[in-house]
Amino acid sequence: MSMQSHSEAAPLDGNAAAGLLGEIFAIEITSATITCDGCGASAQIGAARVYGGTMGAIVRCMCGRAIMRVARTPAGLTLDMRGARRLFAHLPQG
């Protein structure tokens, strides 16, 4: 059995990044809608493709562009959203 390279690893859905993103955002972020800056497609983060593990995650659009990167470092968490045009979170009614 051969080992897959990181680029060949099977993606998970965006819910796989929920714990990591929950450490950054005060709301349930997987139901937020993110818009790709490359192709303009919008989707809920929970439906996006996620690659990564315990040290971080890359959220990718269906077009393949990285729209969000989260990394755990000794100093804390780093969030890079260069590939996103917009992040829209529905706030609870109350």
Protein backbone atom coordinates (compact mmCIF):
# COMPACT_ATOMS: atom_id res chain seq x y z
CA MET A 1 0.00 0.00 0.00
CA SER A 2 1.48 3.37 -0.95
CA MET A 3 1.21 6.49 1.15
CA GLN A 4 -0.76 9.36 -0.37
CA SER A 5 0.89 12.75 -0.58
CA HIS A 6 -0.82 15.68 1.15
CA SER A 7 -2.07 16.99 -2.20
CA GLU A 8 -3.73 13.62 -2.92
CA ALA A 9 -5.42 13.29 0.47
CA ALA A 10 -9.19 12.95 0.33
CA PRO A 11 -10.99 16.12 1.35
CA LEU A 12 -13.41 16.32 4.25
CA ASP A 13 -16.41 18.62 4.42
CA GLY A 14 -16.16 21.99 6.13
CA ASN A 15 -17.57 20.63 9.37
CA ALA A 16 -14.18 18.97 9.93
CA ALA A 17 -12.77 22.44 10.64
CA ALA A 18 -15.57 23.39 13.07
CA GLY A 19 -13.49 22.94 16.23
CA LEU A 20 -10.53 24.90 14.92
CA LEU A 21 -12.71 27.71 13.53
CA GLY A 22 -14.77 27.70 16.74
CA GLU A 23 -11.64 28.83 18.59
CA ILE A 24 -11.55 31.96 16.40
CA PHE A 25 -15.19 32.89 15.77
CA ALA A 26 -17.78 33.49 18.50
CA ILE A 27 -20.61 32.15 16.32
CA GLU A 28 -21.33 28.79 14.66
CA ILE A 29 -19.18 29.46 11.59
CA THR A 30 -19.91 26.31 9.58
CA SER A 31 -23.35 27.70 8.65
CA ALA A 32 -21.82 30.99 7.44
CA THR A 33 -21.66 31.61 3.70
CA ILE A 34 -18.25 32.25 2.14
CA THR A 35 -17.72 33.64 -1.37
CA CYS A 36 -14.69 32.64 -3.43
CA ASP A 37 -12.67 35.60 -4.70
CA GLY A 38 -11.60 33.60 -7.74
CA CYS A 39 -14.81 32.23 -9.29
CA GLY A 40 -17.45 34.10 -7.25
CA ALA A 41 -19.20 30.93 -6.05
CA SER A 42 -20.83 31.03 -2.62
CA ALA A 43 -21.37 28.09 -0.26
CA GLN A 44 -21.72 27.38 3.42
CA ILE A 45 -18.38 26.66 5.06
CA GLY A 46 -19.79 23.35 6.27
CA ALA A 47 -20.26 22.27 2.64
CA ALA A 48 -16.79 23.34 1.48
CA ARG A 49 -13.87 20.92 0.98
CA VAL A 50 -11.36 20.90 3.84
CA TYR A 51 -7.84 19.51 3.84
CA GLY A 52 -5.73 19.30 6.98
CA GLY A 53 -5.58 17.97 10.47
CA THR A 54 -4.92 18.99 14.04
CA MET A 55 -2.30 21.61 13.17
CA GLY A 56 -4.49 23.44 10.68
CA ALA A 57 -6.91 23.34 7.81
CA ILE A 58 -7.31 24.65 4.29
CA VAL A 59 -10.86 25.35 3.12
CA ARG A 60 -11.15 25.16 -0.67
CA CYS A 61 -13.81 26.30 -3.11
CA MET A 62 -15.17 23.78 -5.61
CA CYS A 63 -12.99 25.55 -8.22
CA GLY A 64 -9.92 24.46 -6.23
CA ARG A 65 -8.86 27.85 -4.87
CA ALA A 66 -7.86 28.04 -1.19
CA ILE A 67 -10.37 30.44 0.35
CA MET A 68 -9.47 30.07 4.03
CA ARG A 69 -6.39 28.79 5.83
CA VAL A 70 -6.18 28.23 9.58
CA ALA A 71 -2.93 27.23 11.28
CA ARG A 72 -2.10 26.48 14.89
CA THR A 73 1.26 27.95 15.90
CA PRO A 74 3.05 28.12 19.26
CA ALA A 75 1.82 31.73 19.54
CA GLY A 76 -1.84 30.95 18.74
CA LEU A 77 -4.06 30.58 15.68
CA THR A 78 -3.47 32.26 12.32
CA LEU A 79 -6.37 32.89 9.93
CA ASP A 80 -5.71 33.74 6.27
CA MET A 81 -8.77 34.56 4.16
CA ARG A 82 -7.03 35.98 1.06
CA GLY A 83 -9.06 33.71 -1.23
CA ALA A 84 -12.42 34.85 0.14
CA ARG A 85 -14.34 37.80 -1.21
CA ARG A 86 -16.95 37.80 1.57
CA LEU A 87 -17.95 35.90 4.70
CA PHE A 88 -21.58 36.25 5.73
CA ALA A 89 -22.86 34.84 9.01
CA HIS A 90 -26.56 34.68 9.83
CA LEU A 91 -27.05 35.93 13.37
CA PRO A 92 -29.63 34.18 15.54
CA GLN A 93 -32.97 35.92 15.95
CA GLY A 94 -33.73 36.83 19.50
